[in-house]
C-alpha cells in the first residue's frame, strides 16, 4: 500500500512539475523520523548526544 502511495506521489510531482514540494516532504519525513526515534526511551540518549 505504501509503495502505491509513493508511486502516486512521484507521478504527481513528475506530471504537475511541483518539484518545490520534494524538499518539504523530505524535511517532514526526517522530522517524523527524529520524533519517532526520540520517543523510544532506549534510543533517546543516543539522539540527544547528536545535538
PDB file of N, CA and C in Angstrom:
ATOM      1  N   UNK A   1       0.818  -1.196   0.000  1.00  0.00           N
ATOM      2  CA  UNK A   1       0.000   0.000   0.000  1.00  0.00           C
ATOM      3  C   UNK A   1       0.860   1.257   0.000  1.00  0.00           C
ATOM      4  N   UNK A   2       1.935   1.264   0.811  1.00  0.00           N
ATOM      5  CA  UNK A   2       2.789   2.451   0.862  1.00  0.00           C
ATOM      6  C   UNK A   2       3.527   2.665  -0.453  1.00  0.00           C
ATOM      7  N   UNK A   3       3.856   1.584  -1.130  1.00  0.00           N
ATOM      8  CA  UNK A   3       4.551   1.713  -2.407  1.00  0.00           C
ATOM      9  C   UNK A   3       3.639   2.376  -3.425  1.00  0.00           C
ATOM     10  N   UNK A   4       2.363   2.022  -3.413  1.00  0.00           N
ATOM     11  CA  UNK A   4       1.402   2.650  -4.312  1.00  0.00           C
ATOM     12  C   UNK A   4       1.252   4.131  -4.027  1.00  0.00           C
ATOM     13  N   UNK A   5       1.273   4.489  -2.762  1.00  0.00           N
ATOM     14  CA  UNK A   5       1.173   5.895  -2.374  1.00  0.00           C
ATOM     15  C   UNK A   5       2.405   6.667  -2.832  1.00  0.00           C
ATOM     16  N   UNK A   6       3.572   6.081  -2.666  1.00  0.00           N
ATOM     17  CA  UNK A   6       4.797   6.745  -3.107  1.00  0.00           C
ATOM     18  C   UNK A   6       4.839   6.876  -4.629  1.00  0.00           C
ATOM     19  N   UNK A   7       4.370   5.854  -5.334  1.00  0.00           N
ATOM     20  CA  UNK A   7       4.342   5.929  -6.796  1.00  0.00           C
ATOM     21  C   UNK A   7       3.371   7.011  -7.258  1.00  0.00           C
ATOM     22  N   UNK A   8       2.221   7.090  -6.610  1.00  0.00           N
ATOM     23  CA  UNK A   8       1.245   8.113  -6.966  1.00  0.00           C
ATOM     24  C   UNK A   8       1.788   9.512  -6.671  1.00  0.00           C
ATOM     25  N   UNK A   9       2.483   9.664  -5.564  1.00  0.00           N
ATOM     26  CA  UNK A   9       3.095  10.945  -5.232  1.00  0.00           C
ATOM     27  C   UNK A   9       4.175  11.314  -6.247  1.00  0.00           C
ATOM     28  N   UNK A  10       4.995  10.351  -6.631  1.00  0.00           N
ATOM     29  CA  UNK A  10       6.038  10.597  -7.630  1.00  0.00           C
ATOM     30  C   UNK A  10       5.426  10.987  -8.974  1.00  0.00           C
ATOM     31  N   UNK A  11       4.354  10.297  -9.364  1.00  0.00           N
ATOM     32  CA  UNK A  11       3.675  10.639 -10.616  1.00  0.00           C
ATOM     33  C   UNK A  11       3.095  12.050 -10.565  1.00  0.00           C
ATOM     34  N   UNK A  12       2.543  12.420  -9.420  1.00  0.00           N
ATOM     35  CA  UNK A  12       2.004  13.769  -9.263  1.00  0.00           C
ATOM     36  C   UNK A  12       3.102  14.812  -9.422  1.00  0.00           C
ATOM     37  N   UNK A  13       4.241  14.584  -8.769  1.00  0.00           N
ATOM     38  CA  UNK A  13       5.348  15.537  -8.859  1.00  0.00           C
ATOM     39  C   UNK A  13       5.883  15.624 -10.287  1.00  0.00           C
ATOM     40  N   UNK A  14       5.960  14.496 -10.957  1.00  0.00           N
ATOM     41  CA  UNK A  14       6.526  14.465 -12.300  1.00  0.00           C
ATOM     42  C   UNK A  14       5.590  15.119 -13.321  1.00  0.00           C
ATOM     43  N   UNK A  15       4.307  14.809 -13.246  1.00  0.00           N
ATOM     44  CA  UNK A  15       3.357  15.321 -14.231  1.00  0.00           C
ATOM     45  C   UNK A  15       3.069  16.807 -14.019  1.00  0.00           C
ATOM     46  N   UNK A  16       2.865  17.200 -12.771  1.00  0.00           N
ATOM     47  CA  UNK A  16       2.481  18.586 -12.488  1.00  0.00           C
ATOM     48  C   UNK A  16       3.674  19.520 -12.309  1.00  0.00           C
ATOM     49  N   UNK A  17       4.886  18.976 -12.335  1.00  0.00           N
ATOM     50  CA  UNK A  17       6.122  19.752 -12.197  1.00  0.00           C
ATOM     51  C   UNK A  17       6.157  20.543 -10.888  1.00  0.00           C
ATOM     52  N   UNK A  18       5.768  19.887  -9.825  1.00  0.00           N
ATOM     53  CA  UNK A  18       5.765  20.504  -8.498  1.00  0.00           C
ATOM     54  C   UNK A  18       7.023  20.077  -7.722  1.00  0.00           C
ATOM     55  N   UNK A  19       8.184  20.329  -8.300  1.00  0.00           N
ATOM     56  CA  UNK A  19       9.437  19.875  -7.688  1.00  0.00           C
ATOM     57  C   UNK A  19       9.754  20.601  -6.400  1.00  0.00           C
ATOM     58  N   UNK A  20       9.156  21.768  -6.178  1.00  0.00           N
ATOM     59  CA  UNK A  20       9.430  22.501  -4.950  1.00  0.00           C
ATOM     60  C   UNK A  20       8.818  21.799  -3.737  1.00  0.00           C
ATOM     61  N   UNK A  21       7.892  20.862  -3.953  1.00  0.00           N
ATOM     62  CA  UNK A  21       7.301  20.118  -2.845  1.00  0.00           C
ATOM     63  C   UNK A  21       8.225  19.024  -2.316  1.00  0.00           C
ATOM     64  N   UNK A  22       9.143  18.572  -3.128  1.00  0.00           N
ATOM     65  CA  UNK A  22      10.010  17.458  -2.743  1.00  0.00           C
ATOM     66  C   UNK A  22      10.869  17.767  -1.513  1.00  0.00           C
ATOM     67  N   UNK A  23      11.576  18.909  -1.443  1.00  0.00           N
ATOM     68  CA  UNK A  23      12.361  19.174  -0.228  1.00  0.00           C
ATOM     69  C   UNK A  23      11.498  19.320   1.027  1.00  0.00           C
ATOM     70  N   UNK A  24      10.310  19.849   0.876  1.00  0.00           N
ATOM     71  CA  UNK A  24       9.412  19.985   2.025  1.00  0.00           C
ATOM     72  C   UNK A  24       9.018  18.615   2.550  1.00  0.00           C
ATOM     73  N   UNK A  25       8.701  17.690   1.648  1.00  0.00           N
ATOM     74  CA  UNK A  25       8.317  16.347   2.066  1.00  0.00           C
ATOM     75  C   UNK A  25       9.490  15.601   2.690  1.00  0.00           C
ATOM     76  N   UNK A  26      10.684  15.806   2.163  1.00  0.00           N
ATOM     77  CA  UNK A  26      11.859  15.144   2.735  1.00  0.00           C
ATOM     78  C   UNK A  26      12.117  15.667   4.152  1.00  0.00           C
ATOM     79  N   UNK A  27      12.007  16.964   4.349  1.00  0.00           N
ATOM     80  CA  UNK A  27      12.198  17.528   5.684  1.00  0.00           C
ATOM     81  C   UNK A  27      11.133  17.050   6.664  1.00  0.00           C
ATOM     82  N   UNK A  28       9.903  16.953   6.211  1.00  0.00           N
ATOM     83  CA  UNK A  28       8.848  16.435   7.081  1.00  0.00           C
ATOM     84  C   UNK A  28       9.091  14.974   7.442  1.00  0.00           C
ATOM     85  N   UNK A  29       9.588  14.208   6.494  1.00  0.00           N
ATOM     86  CA  UNK A  29       9.901  12.803   6.760  1.00  0.00           C
ATOM     87  C   UNK A  29      11.039  12.679   7.776  1.00  0.00           C
ATOM     88  N   UNK A  30      12.068  13.514   7.635  1.00  0.00           N
ATOM     89  CA  UNK A  30      13.169  13.494   8.597  1.00  0.00           C
ATOM     90  C   UNK A  30      12.720  13.937   9.986  1.00  0.00           C
ATOM     91  N   UNK A  31      11.851  14.928  10.044  1.00  0.00           N
ATOM     92  CA  UNK A  31      11.327  15.381  11.330  1.00  0.00           C
ATOM     93  C   UNK A  31      10.497  14.289  11.983  1.00  0.00           C
ATOM     94  N   UNK A  32       9.682  13.602  11.201  1.00  0.00           N
ATOM     95  CA  UNK A  32       8.903  12.489  11.726  1.00  0.00           C
ATOM     96  C   UNK A  32       9.815  11.384  12.260  1.00  0.00           C
ATOM     97  N   UNK A  33      10.875  11.079  11.530  1.00  0.00           N
ATOM     98  CA  UNK A  33      11.805  10.036  11.970  1.00  0.00           C
ATOM     99  C   UNK A  33      12.501  10.442  13.265  1.00  0.00           C
ATOM    100  N   UNK A  34      12.871  11.715  13.379  1.00  0.00           N
ATOM    101  CA  UNK A  34      13.513  12.196  14.604  1.00  0.00           C
ATOM    102  C   UNK A  34      12.561  12.108  15.793  1.00  0.00           C
ATOM    103  N   UNK A  35      11.318  12.493  15.595  1.00  0.00           N
ATOM    104  CA  UNK A  35      10.330  12.406  16.676  1.00  0.00           C
ATOM    105  C   UNK A  35      10.086  10.952  17.057  1.00  0.00           C
ATOM    106  N   UNK A  36      10.007  10.094  16.077  1.00  0.00           N
ATOM    107  CA  UNK A  36       9.789   8.676  16.351  1.00  0.00           C
ATOM    108  C   UNK A  36      10.959   8.067  17.127  1.00  0.00           C
ATOM    109  N   UNK A  37      12.174   8.422  16.736  1.00  0.00           N
ATOM    110  CA  UNK A  37      13.343   7.860  17.424  1.00  0.00           C
ATOM    111  C   UNK A  37      13.495   8.391  18.846  1.00  0.00           C
ATOM    112  N   UNK A  38      13.168   9.640  19.066  1.00  0.00           N
ATOM    113  CA  UNK A  38      13.326  10.205  20.407  1.00  0.00           C
ATOM    114  C   UNK A  38      12.192   9.808  21.332  1.00  0.00           C
ATOM    115  N   UNK A  39      11.099   9.301  20.800  1.00  0.00           N
ATOM    116  CA  UNK A  39      10.007   8.873  21.671  1.00  0.00           C
ATOM    117  C   UNK A  39      10.308   7.526  22.326  1.00  0.00           C
ATOM    118  N   UNK A  40      11.239   6.781  21.765  1.00  0.00           N
ATOM    119  CA  UNK A  40      11.624   5.497  22.332  1.00  0.00           C
ATOM    120  C   UNK A  40      12.679   5.737  23.413  1.00  0.00           C
ATOM    121  N   UNK A  41      12.411   5.340  24.651  1.00  0.00           N
ATOM    122  CA  UNK A  41      13.372   5.615  25.737  1.00  0.00           C
ATOM    123  C   UNK A  41      14.737   4.952  25.530  1.00  0.00           C
ATOM    124  N   UNK A  42      14.796   3.852  24.816  1.00  0.00           N
ATOM    125  CA  UNK A  42      16.068   3.160  24.628  1.00  0.00           C
ATOM    126  C   UNK A  42      16.990   3.903  23.668  1.00  0.00           C
ATOM    127  N   UNK A  43      16.452   4.593  22.689  1.00  0.00           N
ATOM    128  CA  UNK A  43      17.286   5.274  21.696  1.00  0.00           C
ATOM    129  C   UNK A  43      17.436   6.761  21.940  1.00  0.00           C
ATOM    130  N   UNK A  44      16.628   7.324  22.823  1.00  0.00           N
ATOM    131  CA  UNK A  44      16.680   8.775  23.018  1.00  0.00           C
ATOM    132  C   UNK A  44      18.034   9.293  23.534  1.00  0.00           C
ATOM    133  N   UNK A  45      18.755   8.595  24.404  1.00  0.00           N
ATOM    134  CA  UNK A  45      20.068   9.134  24.806  1.00  0.00           C
ATOM    135  C   UNK A  45      21.049   9.256  23.642  1.00  0.00           C
ATOM    136  N   UNK A  46      20.969   8.382  22.666  1.00  0.00           N
ATOM    137  CA  UNK A  46      21.871   8.455  21.519  1.00  0.00           C
ATOM    138  C   UNK A  46      21.521   9.618  20.604  1.00  0.00           C
ATOM    139  N   UNK A  47      20.230   9.909  20.485  1.00  0.00           N
ATOM    140  CA  UNK A  47      19.801  11.020  19.646  1.00  0.00           C
ATOM    141  C   UNK A  47      20.170  12.353  20.298  1.00  0.00           C
ATOM    142  N   UNK A  48      19.995  12.434  21.620  1.00  0.00           N
ATOM    143  CA  UNK A  48      20.280  13.689  22.310  1.00  0.00           C
ATOM    144  C   UNK A  48      21.769  14.055  22.255  1.00  0.00           C
ATOM    145  N   UNK A  49      22.648  13.063  22.134  1.00  0.00           N
ATOM    146  CA  UNK A  49      24.069  13.372  22.052  1.00  0.00           C
ATOM    147  C   UNK A  49      24.437  14.010  20.716  1.00  0.00           C
ATOM    148  N   UNK A  50      23.593  13.846  19.702  1.00  0.00           N
ATOM    149  CA  UNK A  50      23.863  14.470  18.404  1.00  0.00           C
ATOM    150  C   UNK A  50      23.684  15.975  18.454  1.00  0.00           C
ATOM    151  N   UNK A  51      22.832  16.437  19.350  1.00  0.00           N
ATOM    152  CA  UNK A  51      22.550  17.866  19.437  1.00  0.00           C
ATOM    153  C   UNK A  51      23.203  18.428  20.664  1.00  0.00           C
TER     154      UNK A  51
END
